[in-house]
PDB file of all heavy atoms in Angstrom:
ATOM      1  N   VAL A   1       0.864  -1.199   0.031  1.00  0.00           N
ATOM      2  CA  VAL A   1       0.007   0.087  -0.013  1.00  0.00           C
ATOM      3  C   VAL A   1       0.866   1.262   0.016  1.00  0.00           C
ATOM      4  O   VAL A   1       0.603   2.142  -0.674  1.00  0.00           O
ATOM      5  CB  VAL A   1      -0.973  -0.025   1.232  1.00  0.00           C
ATOM      6  CG1 VAL A   1      -1.647   1.332   1.301  1.00  0.00           C
ATOM      7  CG2 VAL A   1      -2.020  -1.130   0.969  1.00  0.00           C
ATOM      8  N   ALA A   2       1.928   1.159   0.781  1.00  0.00           N
ATOM      9  CA  ALA A   2       2.921   2.350   0.822  1.00  0.00           C
ATOM     10  C   ALA A   2       3.537   2.581  -0.533  1.00  0.00           C
ATOM     11  O   ALA A   2       3.713   3.746  -0.951  1.00  0.00           O
ATOM     12  CB  ALA A   2       4.002   2.031   1.807  1.00  0.00           C
ATOM     13  N   MET A   3       3.812   1.529  -1.334  1.00  0.00           N
ATOM     14  CA  MET A   3       4.329   1.695  -2.678  1.00  0.00           C
ATOM     15  C   MET A   3       3.364   2.478  -3.567  1.00  0.00           C
ATOM     16  O   MET A   3       3.664   3.376  -4.255  1.00  0.00           O
ATOM     17  CB  MET A   3       4.587   0.407  -3.376  1.00  0.00           C
ATOM     18  CG  MET A   3       5.843  -0.281  -2.981  1.00  0.00           C
ATOM     19  SD  MET A   3       5.937  -1.798  -4.001  1.00  0.00           S
ATOM     20  CE  MET A   3       6.888  -2.905  -2.865  1.00  0.00           C
ATOM     21  N   ILE A   4       2.054   2.030  -3.515  1.00  0.00           N
ATOM     22  CA  ILE A   4       1.018   2.649  -4.319  1.00  0.00           C
ATOM     23  C   ILE A   4       0.852   4.098  -3.826  1.00  0.00           C
ATOM     24  O   ILE A   4       0.678   4.981  -4.696  1.00  0.00           O
ATOM     25  CB  ILE A   4      -0.302   1.805  -4.255  1.00  0.00           C
ATOM     26  CG1 ILE A   4      -0.113   0.417  -4.876  1.00  0.00           C
ATOM     27  CG2 ILE A   4      -1.450   2.535  -4.895  1.00  0.00           C
ATOM     28  CD1 ILE A   4      -1.169  -0.490  -4.678  1.00  0.00           C
ATOM     29  N   VAL A   5       0.792   4.352  -2.542  1.00  0.00           N
ATOM     30  CA  VAL A   5       0.544   5.720  -2.166  1.00  0.00           C
ATOM     31  C   VAL A   5       1.732   6.625  -2.559  1.00  0.00           C
ATOM     32  O   VAL A   5       1.560   7.743  -2.896  1.00  0.00           O
ATOM     33  CB  VAL A   5       0.459   5.727  -0.578  1.00  0.00           C
ATOM     34  CG1 VAL A   5       0.457   7.122  -0.033  1.00  0.00           C
ATOM     35  CG2 VAL A   5      -0.934   5.059  -0.212  1.00  0.00           C
ATOM     36  N   SER A   6       2.994   6.133  -2.441  1.00  0.00           N
ATOM     37  CA  SER A   6       4.123   6.905  -2.810  1.00  0.00           C
ATOM     38  C   SER A   6       4.159   7.197  -4.332  1.00  0.00           C
ATOM     39  O   SER A   6       4.489   8.353  -4.727  1.00  0.00           O
ATOM     40  CB  SER A   6       5.467   6.259  -2.348  1.00  0.00           C
ATOM     41  OG  SER A   6       5.672   5.085  -2.977  1.00  0.00           O
ATOM     42  N   VAL A   7       3.809   6.182  -5.106  1.00  0.00           N
ATOM     43  CA  VAL A   7       3.633   6.479  -6.543  1.00  0.00           C
ATOM     44  C   VAL A   7       2.595   7.511  -6.848  1.00  0.00           C
ATOM     45  O   VAL A   7       2.829   8.453  -7.609  1.00  0.00           O
ATOM     46  CB  VAL A   7       3.363   5.103  -7.350  1.00  0.00           C
ATOM     47  CG1 VAL A   7       2.897   5.352  -8.754  1.00  0.00           C
ATOM     48  CG2 VAL A   7       4.543   4.207  -7.297  1.00  0.00           C
ATOM     49  N   ALA A   8       1.467   7.346  -6.139  1.00  0.00           N
ATOM     50  CA  ALA A   8       0.435   8.460  -6.346  1.00  0.00           C
ATOM     51  C   ALA A   8       0.821   9.809  -6.002  1.00  0.00           C
ATOM     52  O   ALA A   8       0.661  10.752  -6.736  1.00  0.00           O
ATOM     53  CB  ALA A   8      -0.851   8.001  -5.656  1.00  0.00           C
ATOM     54  N   PHE A   9       1.554   9.832  -4.829  1.00  0.00           N
ATOM     55  CA  PHE A   9       2.003  11.205  -4.415  1.00  0.00           C
ATOM     56  C   PHE A   9       3.068  11.768  -5.446  1.00  0.00           C
ATOM     57  O   PHE A   9       3.081  12.886  -5.741  1.00  0.00           O
ATOM     58  CB  PHE A   9       2.607  11.042  -3.025  1.00  0.00           C
ATOM     59  CG  PHE A   9       3.393  12.240  -2.531  1.00  0.00           C
ATOM     60  CD1 PHE A   9       2.566  13.433  -2.172  1.00  0.00           C
ATOM     61  CD2 PHE A   9       4.666  12.444  -2.475  1.00  0.00           C
ATOM     62  CE1 PHE A   9       3.232  14.666  -1.856  1.00  0.00           C
ATOM     63  CE2 PHE A   9       5.341  13.568  -2.091  1.00  0.00           C
ATOM     64  CZ  PHE A   9       4.597  14.715  -1.774  1.00  0.00           C
ATOM     65  N   LEU A  10       4.056  10.846  -5.817  1.00  0.00           N
ATOM     66  CA  LEU A  10       5.089  11.398  -6.734  1.00  0.00           C
ATOM     67  C   LEU A  10       4.532  11.744  -8.089  1.00  0.00           C
ATOM     68  O   LEU A  10       5.103  12.553  -8.732  1.00  0.00           O
ATOM     69  CB  LEU A  10       6.184  10.270  -6.933  1.00  0.00           C
ATOM     70  CG  LEU A  10       6.993  10.115  -5.554  1.00  0.00           C
ATOM     71  CD1 LEU A  10       7.871   8.916  -5.639  1.00  0.00           C
ATOM     72  CD2 LEU A  10       7.772  11.374  -5.265  1.00  0.00           C
ATOM     73  N   MET A  11       3.491  11.041  -8.591  1.00  0.00           N
ATOM     74  CA  MET A  11       2.869  11.415  -9.849  1.00  0.00           C
ATOM     75  C   MET A  11       2.208  12.812  -9.685  1.00  0.00           C
ATOM     76  O   MET A  11       2.203  13.545 -10.723  1.00  0.00           O
ATOM     77  CB  MET A  11       1.728  10.360 -10.277  1.00  0.00           C
ATOM     78  CG  MET A  11       2.366   8.926 -10.593  1.00  0.00           C
ATOM     79  SD  MET A  11       3.560   9.003 -11.920  1.00  0.00           S
ATOM     80  CE  MET A  11       2.430   8.994 -13.311  1.00  0.00           C
ATOM     81  N   LEU A  12       1.655  13.163  -8.498  1.00  0.00           N
ATOM     82  CA  LEU A  12       1.122  14.393  -8.326  1.00  0.00           C
ATOM     83  C   LEU A  12       2.176  15.411  -8.323  1.00  0.00           C
ATOM     84  O   LEU A  12       2.097  16.561  -8.910  1.00  0.00           O
ATOM     85  CB  LEU A  12       0.461  14.481  -6.936  1.00  0.00           C
ATOM     86  CG  LEU A  12      -0.209  15.777  -6.598  1.00  0.00           C
ATOM     87  CD1 LEU A  12      -1.235  16.274  -7.491  1.00  0.00           C
ATOM     88  CD2 LEU A  12      -0.868  15.787  -5.145  1.00  0.00           C
ATOM     89  N   VAL A  13       3.427  15.195  -7.706  1.00  0.00           N
ATOM     90  CA  VAL A  13       4.513  16.125  -7.747  1.00  0.00           C
ATOM     91  C   VAL A  13       4.948  16.315  -9.205  1.00  0.00           C
ATOM     92  O   VAL A  13       5.285  17.346  -9.634  1.00  0.00           O
ATOM     93  CB  VAL A  13       5.674  15.568  -6.893  1.00  0.00           C
ATOM     94  CG1 VAL A  13       6.977  16.221  -7.088  1.00  0.00           C
ATOM     95  CG2 VAL A  13       5.257  15.489  -5.422  1.00  0.00           C
ATOM     96  N   ASP A  14       4.947  15.231  -9.967  1.00  0.00           N
ATOM     97  CA  ASP A  14       5.346  15.354 -11.378  1.00  0.00           C
ATOM     98  C   ASP A  14       4.385  16.235 -12.102  1.00  0.00           C
ATOM     99  O   ASP A  14       4.870  17.066 -12.929  1.00  0.00           O
ATOM    100  CB  ASP A  14       5.345  14.012 -12.145  1.00  0.00           C
ATOM    101  CG  ASP A  14       6.514  13.196 -11.716  1.00  0.00           C
ATOM    102  OD1 ASP A  14       7.571  13.690 -11.230  1.00  0.00           O
ATOM    103  OD2 ASP A  14       6.509  12.026 -12.041  1.00  0.00           O
ATOM    104  N   LEU A  15       3.133  16.246 -11.854  1.00  0.00           N
ATOM    105  CA  LEU A  15       2.109  17.186 -12.490  1.00  0.00           C
ATOM    106  C   LEU A  15       2.433  18.599 -12.153  1.00  0.00           C
ATOM    107  O   LEU A  15       2.293  19.516 -12.898  1.00  0.00           O
ATOM    108  CB  LEU A  15       0.762  16.750 -12.131  1.00  0.00           C
ATOM    109  CG  LEU A  15       0.083  15.663 -12.940  1.00  0.00           C
ATOM    110  CD1 LEU A  15      -1.397  15.398 -12.308  1.00  0.00           C
ATOM    111  CD2 LEU A  15       0.018  16.044 -14.398  1.00  0.00           C
ATOM    112  N   MET A  16       2.810  18.808 -10.863  1.00  0.00           N
ATOM    113  CA  MET A  16       3.015  20.144 -10.358  1.00  0.00           C
ATOM    114  C   MET A  16       4.386  20.731 -10.830  1.00  0.00           C
ATOM    115  O   MET A  16       4.505  21.901 -11.173  1.00  0.00           O
ATOM    116  CB  MET A  16       2.970  20.268  -8.876  1.00  0.00           C
ATOM    117  CG  MET A  16       1.440  19.909  -8.454  1.00  0.00           C
ATOM    118  SD  MET A  16       1.171  20.282  -6.646  1.00  0.00           S
ATOM    119  CE  MET A  16       2.264  19.217  -5.912  1.00  0.00           C
ATOM    120  N   VAL A  17       5.443  19.876 -10.805  1.00  0.00           N
ATOM    121  CA  VAL A  17       6.809  20.352 -10.997  1.00  0.00           C
ATOM    122  C   VAL A  17       7.313  19.983 -12.437  1.00  0.00           C
ATOM    123  O   VAL A  17       8.027  20.805 -13.104  1.00  0.00           O
ATOM    124  CB  VAL A  17       7.698  19.755  -9.976  1.00  0.00           C
ATOM    125  CG1 VAL A  17       9.123  20.275 -10.127  1.00  0.00           C
ATOM    126  CG2 VAL A  17       7.295  20.149  -8.585  1.00  0.00           C
ATOM    127  N   GLY A  18       7.004  18.808 -12.889  1.00  0.00           N
ATOM    128  CA  GLY A  18       7.417  18.451 -14.284  1.00  0.00           C
ATOM    129  C   GLY A  18       8.946  18.032 -14.412  1.00  0.00           C
ATOM    130  O   GLY A  18       9.526  18.514 -15.284  1.00  0.00           O
ATOM    131  N   VAL A  19       9.404  17.376 -13.365  1.00  0.00           N
ATOM    132  CA  VAL A  19      10.821  16.947 -13.497  1.00  0.00           C
ATOM    133  C   VAL A  19      11.034  15.840 -14.489  1.00  0.00           C
ATOM    134  O   VAL A  19      10.196  14.920 -14.553  1.00  0.00           O
ATOM    135  CB  VAL A  19      11.202  16.452 -12.067  1.00  0.00           C
ATOM    136  CG1 VAL A  19      12.620  15.845 -11.990  1.00  0.00           C
ATOM    137  CG2 VAL A  19      11.104  17.472 -11.027  1.00  0.00           C
ATOM    138  N   ASN A  20      12.169  15.917 -15.171  1.00  0.00           N
ATOM    139  CA  ASN A  20      12.467  14.763 -16.136  1.00  0.00           C
ATOM    140  C   ASN A  20      13.824  14.203 -15.622  1.00  0.00           C
ATOM    141  O   ASN A  20      14.794  14.801 -15.831  1.00  0.00           O
ATOM    142  CB  ASN A  20      12.687  15.337 -17.515  1.00  0.00           C
ATOM    143  CG  ASN A  20      12.917  14.143 -18.509  1.00  0.00           C
ATOM    144  OD1 ASN A  20      12.929  13.097 -18.161  1.00  0.00           O
ATOM    145  ND2 ASN A  20      13.133  14.623 -19.783  1.00  0.00           N
ATOM    146  N   VAL A  21      13.814  12.960 -15.073  1.00  0.00           N
ATOM    147  CA  VAL A  21      14.954  12.516 -14.412  1.00  0.00           C
ATOM    148  C   VAL A  21      16.041  11.892 -15.507  1.00  0.00           C
ATOM    149  O   VAL A  21      17.089  11.511 -15.072  1.00  0.00           O
ATOM    150  CB  VAL A  21      14.656  11.314 -13.346  1.00  0.00           C
ATOM    151  CG1 VAL A  21      13.873  11.924 -12.203  1.00  0.00           C
ATOM    152  CG2 VAL A  21      13.860  10.206 -13.943  1.00  0.00           C
ATOM    153  N   ILE A  22      15.499  11.767 -16.768  1.00  0.00           N
ATOM    154  CA  ILE A  22      16.475  11.323 -17.763  1.00  0.00           C
ATOM    155  C   ILE A  22      16.845  12.431 -18.718  1.00  0.00           C
ATOM    156  O   ILE A  22      17.356  12.175 -19.807  1.00  0.00           O
ATOM    157  CB  ILE A  22      15.902  10.166 -18.610  1.00  0.00           C
ATOM    158  CG1 ILE A  22      14.571  10.396 -19.217  1.00  0.00           C
ATOM    159  CG2 ILE A  22      15.748   8.912 -17.606  1.00  0.00           C
ATOM    160  CD1 ILE A  22      14.207   9.425 -20.271  1.00  0.00           C
ATOM    161  N   SER A  23      16.665  13.670 -18.333  1.00  0.00           N
ATOM    162  CA  SER A  23      16.954  14.759 -19.195  1.00  0.00           C
ATOM    163  C   SER A  23      18.524  14.950 -19.378  1.00  0.00           C
ATOM    164  O   SER A  23      18.893  15.479 -20.543  1.00  0.00           O
ATOM    165  CB  SER A  23      16.549  16.125 -18.576  1.00  0.00           C
ATOM    166  OG  SER A  23      17.129  16.292 -17.347  1.00  0.00           O
ATOM    167  N   TRP A  24      19.298  14.283 -18.580  1.00  0.00           N
ATOM    168  CA  TRP A  24      20.720  14.381 -18.800  1.00  0.00           C
ATOM    169  C   TRP A  24      21.296  13.379 -19.805  1.00  0.00           C
ATOM    170  O   TRP A  24      22.332  13.448 -20.314  1.00  0.00           O
ATOM    171  CB  TRP A  24      21.456  14.057 -17.415  1.00  0.00           C
ATOM    172  CG  TRP A  24      21.052  12.707 -16.892  1.00  0.00           C
ATOM    173  CD1 TRP A  24      19.972  12.473 -16.105  1.00  0.00           C
ATOM    174  CD2 TRP A  24      21.638  11.453 -17.040  1.00  0.00           C
ATOM    175  NE1 TRP A  24      19.902  11.207 -15.712  1.00  0.00           N
ATOM    176  CE2 TRP A  24      20.854  10.475 -16.309  1.00  0.00           C
ATOM    177  CE3 TRP A  24      22.782  10.958 -17.756  1.00  0.00           C
ATOM    178  CZ2 TRP A  24      21.215   9.171 -16.282  1.00  0.00           C
ATOM    179  CZ3 TRP A  24      23.055   9.709 -17.714  1.00  0.00           C
ATOM    180  CH2 TRP A  24      22.282   8.716 -16.957  1.00  0.00           C
ATOM    181  N   LEU A  25      20.439  12.433 -20.281  1.00  0.00           N
ATOM    182  CA  LEU A  25      20.771  11.452 -21.275  1.00  0.00           C
ATOM    183  C   LEU A  25      20.690  12.142 -22.647  1.00  0.00           C
ATOM    184  O   LEU A  25      19.846  13.036 -22.877  1.00  0.00           O
ATOM    185  CB  LEU A  25      19.831  10.236 -21.291  1.00  0.00           C
ATOM    186  CG  LEU A  25      19.973   9.311 -20.149  1.00  0.00           C
ATOM    187  CD1 LEU A  25      18.877   8.302 -20.214  1.00  0.00           C
ATOM    188  CD2 LEU A  25      21.314   8.623 -20.098  1.00  0.00           C
ATOM    189  N   PRO A  26      21.538  11.804 -23.572  1.00  0.00           N
ATOM    190  CA  PRO A  26      21.561  12.365 -24.985  1.00  0.00           C
ATOM    191  C   PRO A  26      20.208  12.065 -25.556  1.00  0.00           C
ATOM    192  O   PRO A  26      19.625  10.958 -25.372  1.00  0.00           O
ATOM    193  CB  PRO A  26      22.621  11.678 -25.681  1.00  0.00           C
ATOM    194  CG  PRO A  26      23.577  11.019 -24.639  1.00  0.00           C
ATOM    195  CD  PRO A  26      22.700  10.767 -23.422  1.00  0.00           C
ATOM    196  N   ASP A  27      19.719  12.940 -26.353  1.00  0.00           N
ATOM    197  CA  ASP A  27      18.493  12.896 -27.112  1.00  0.00           C
ATOM    198  C   ASP A  27      18.401  11.606 -27.969  1.00  0.00           C
ATOM    199  O   ASP A  27      17.299  10.971 -27.969  1.00  0.00           O
ATOM    200  CB  ASP A  27      18.192  14.054 -27.982  1.00  0.00           C
ATOM    201  CG  ASP A  27      17.775  15.255 -27.158  1.00  0.00           C
ATOM    202  OD1 ASP A  27      17.273  15.075 -26.059  1.00  0.00           O
ATOM    203  OD2 ASP A  27      17.893  16.442 -27.730  1.00  0.00           O
TER     204      ASP A  27
END
């Protein structure tokens, strides 16, 4: 349940902030 809750919370953070964790990789 904690996995699902953390994913749901982090998806909300992504909507608000829009972080791309693979932006450092070449296109």
